[in-house]
Amino acid sequence: MDSAIVSAMAGVLGSLVGGSAAVATAWVTQKTVSQRELIQGDMRMRETLYGEFIAECAKLLIDAFVHTLDDPEKLLPLYALTNRIRLTASQPVLAEAERLLSHITDQYFSRNLTVQEMGQLARSVGADPLKAFGEACRAELKLIRARL
């Protein structure tokens, strides 16, 4: 074979391999960036949802300490948030959300607390009923961050 043809073929094949490597690198980079953006968007959505749930639980829990359930529609936003959590959350987060919903409902049907009893409850060890939910959320978000 003529050395000019061999040199030309080597040049063409080298260009093809180099061009293919550049295309493959760009494709992998774009795929990684897109996947990272999706995961970050999912995390933001979950953080917002969990924050809304915590705010609603805190409001209803305090209300349940001093009132009976005179208007069942008070619980509607909490049921809606729980079902939104059900769509995306891990099983531990969902279990804690359902536990909180049950705790708040039970409190509405329990006797009302006095201001002094609420103060004692607030100062007692392990008094925060939202803590387990927050910890489950933090663990879930940590696992999602690890995928980044």
Protein backbone atom coordinates (compact mmCIF):
# COMPACT_ATOMS: atom_id res chain seq x y z
CA MET A 1 0.00 0.00 0.00
CA ASP A 2 1.17 3.48 -0.77
CA SER A 3 2.51 5.35 2.26
CA ALA A 4 0.51 8.45 1.28
CA ILE A 5 -2.75 6.48 1.46
CA VAL A 6 -1.78 4.98 4.83
CA SER A 7 -0.95 8.43 6.16
CA ALA A 8 -4.22 9.85 4.85
CA MET A 9 -6.23 6.97 6.34
CA ALA A 10 -4.47 7.37 9.67
CA GLY A 11 -5.28 11.08 9.62
CA VAL A 12 -8.96 10.46 8.80
CA LEU A 13 -9.31 7.74 11.45
CA GLY A 14 -7.53 9.94 14.01
CA SER A 15 -9.93 12.79 13.25
CA LEU A 16 -12.93 10.45 13.57
CA VAL A 17 -11.75 9.09 16.90
CA GLY A 18 -10.95 12.58 18.22
CA GLY A 19 -14.29 13.95 17.04
CA SER A 20 -16.16 10.98 18.51
CA ALA A 21 -14.42 11.47 21.83
CA ALA A 22 -15.42 15.14 21.88
CA VAL A 23 -19.06 14.29 21.08
CA ALA A 24 -19.12 11.53 23.71
CA THR A 25 -17.62 13.84 26.34
CA ALA A 26 -20.17 16.56 25.57
CA TRP A 27 -23.03 14.03 25.72
CA VAL A 28 -21.90 12.60 29.08
CA THR A 29 -21.38 16.09 30.50
CA GLN A 30 -24.83 17.24 29.38
CA LYS A 31 -26.46 14.10 30.75
CA THR A 32 -24.73 14.57 34.12
CA VAL A 33 -25.69 18.24 34.31
CA SER A 34 -29.31 17.44 33.43
CA GLN A 35 -29.48 14.68 36.01
CA ARG A 36 -27.97 16.96 38.67
CA GLU A 37 -30.52 19.69 37.86
CA LEU A 38 -33.38 17.18 38.16
CA ILE A 39 -32.12 15.96 41.54
CA GLN A 40 -31.66 19.53 42.81
CA GLY A 41 -35.18 20.42 41.65
CA ASP A 42 -36.55 17.35 43.41
CA MET A 43 -34.74 18.32 46.60
CA ARG A 44 -36.09 21.88 46.48
CA MET A 45 -39.61 20.57 45.92
CA ARG A 46 -39.33 18.16 48.86
CA GLU A 47 -37.83 20.81 51.16
CA THR A 48 -40.73 23.15 50.34
CA LEU A 49 -43.33 20.42 50.83
CA TYR A 50 -41.83 19.25 54.11
CA GLY A 51 -41.59 22.83 55.34
CA GLU A 52 -45.28 23.42 54.55
CA PHE A 53 -46.17 20.21 56.37
CA ILE A 54 -44.16 21.18 59.45
CA ALA A 55 -45.73 24.65 59.55
CA GLU A 56 -49.26 23.22 59.27
CA CYS A 57 -48.57 20.55 61.91
CA ALA A 58 -47.18 23.11 64.35
CA LYS A 59 -50.21 25.36 63.89
CA LEU A 60 -52.72 22.53 64.29
CA LEU A 61 -50.88 20.94 67.19
CA ILE A 62 -51.02 24.12 69.25
CA ASP A 63 -54.67 24.53 68.30
CA ALA A 64 -55.38 20.92 69.33
CA PHE A 65 -53.86 21.54 72.77
CA VAL A 66 -56.42 24.22 73.58
CA HIS A 67 -59.45 23.35 71.43
CA THR A 68 -61.59 20.40 70.52
CA LEU A 69 -62.26 19.62 66.88
CA ASP A 70 -65.26 21.83 66.30
CA ASP A 71 -64.55 22.21 62.56
CA PRO A 72 -63.20 19.06 60.85
CA GLU A 73 -62.16 21.17 57.86
CA LYS A 74 -59.23 22.39 59.98
CA LEU A 75 -57.55 19.06 59.24
CA LEU A 76 -58.11 19.22 55.48
CA PRO A 77 -54.83 21.04 54.64
CA LEU A 78 -52.90 18.53 56.73
CA TYR A 79 -54.53 15.59 54.95
CA ALA A 80 -53.75 17.21 51.61
CA LEU A 81 -50.10 17.73 52.54
CA THR A 82 -49.83 14.17 53.83
CA ASN A 83 -51.08 12.84 50.52
CA ARG A 84 -48.69 15.07 48.60
CA ILE A 85 -45.91 13.61 50.75
CA ARG A 86 -47.21 10.15 49.90
CA LEU A 87 -46.53 10.86 46.21
CA THR A 88 -42.79 11.46 46.56
CA ALA A 89 -41.43 10.69 50.01
CA SER A 90 -39.59 7.66 51.26
CA GLN A 91 -41.40 5.21 53.53
CA PRO A 92 -39.79 6.53 56.77
CA VAL A 93 -40.86 10.12 55.98
CA LEU A 94 -44.39 9.01 55.09
CA ALA A 95 -44.65 6.92 58.27
CA GLU A 96 -43.66 9.92 60.40
CA ALA A 97 -46.10 12.18 58.54
CA GLU A 98 -48.92 9.71 59.17
CA ARG A 99 -47.88 9.40 62.81
CA LEU A 100 -48.04 13.18 63.20
CA LEU A 101 -51.45 13.34 61.55
CA SER A 102 -52.71 10.67 63.94
CA HIS A 103 -51.14 12.44 66.94
CA ILE A 104 -52.80 15.74 66.07
CA THR A 105 -56.17 14.08 65.49
CA ASP A 106 -55.90 12.24 68.81
CA GLN A 107 -55.00 15.48 70.58
CA TYR A 108 -58.12 17.17 69.25
CA PHE A 109 -60.21 14.44 70.88
CA SER A 110 -58.27 14.56 74.16
CA ARG A 111 -58.87 17.02 76.95
CA ASN A 112 -57.63 20.58 76.47
CA LEU A 113 -54.42 21.59 78.21
CA THR A 114 -54.04 24.58 80.46
CA VAL A 115 -51.33 27.15 79.84
CA GLN A 116 -49.35 25.71 82.77
CA GLU A 117 -49.61 22.18 81.35
CA MET A 118 -48.46 23.42 77.97
CA GLY A 119 -45.47 25.07 79.63
CA GLN A 120 -44.57 21.85 81.43
CA LEU A 121 -44.96 19.90 78.21
CA ALA A 122 -42.72 22.31 76.33
CA ARG A 123 -39.97 21.96 78.96
CA SER A 124 -40.15 18.16 79.14
CA VAL A 125 -37.53 15.96 77.49
CA GLY A 126 -38.65 14.63 74.13
CA ALA A 127 -41.60 17.00 73.96
CA ASP A 128 -41.20 17.98 70.31
CA PRO A 129 -43.63 15.81 68.32
CA LEU A 130 -42.23 17.19 65.04
CA LYS A 131 -38.64 16.10 65.73
CA ALA A 132 -38.92 12.56 64.34
CA PHE A 133 -40.47 13.86 61.12
CA GLY A 134 -37.71 16.43 60.71
CA GLU A 135 -35.03 13.80 61.28
CA ALA A 136 -36.61 11.45 58.74
CA CYS A 137 -36.71 14.30 56.21
CA ARG A 138 -33.08 15.20 56.87
CA ALA A 139 -32.00 11.56 56.37
CA GLU A 140 -33.94 11.33 53.11
CA LEU A 141 -32.49 14.59 51.77
CA LYS A 142 -29.00 13.45 52.76
CA LEU A 143 -29.45 10.30 50.66
CA ILE A 144 -30.63 12.39 47.71
CA ARG A 145 -27.64 14.76 48.06
CA ALA A 146 -25.32 11.75 47.98
CA ARG A 147 -26.54 11.01 44.44
CA LEU A 148 -25.23 14.39 43.23
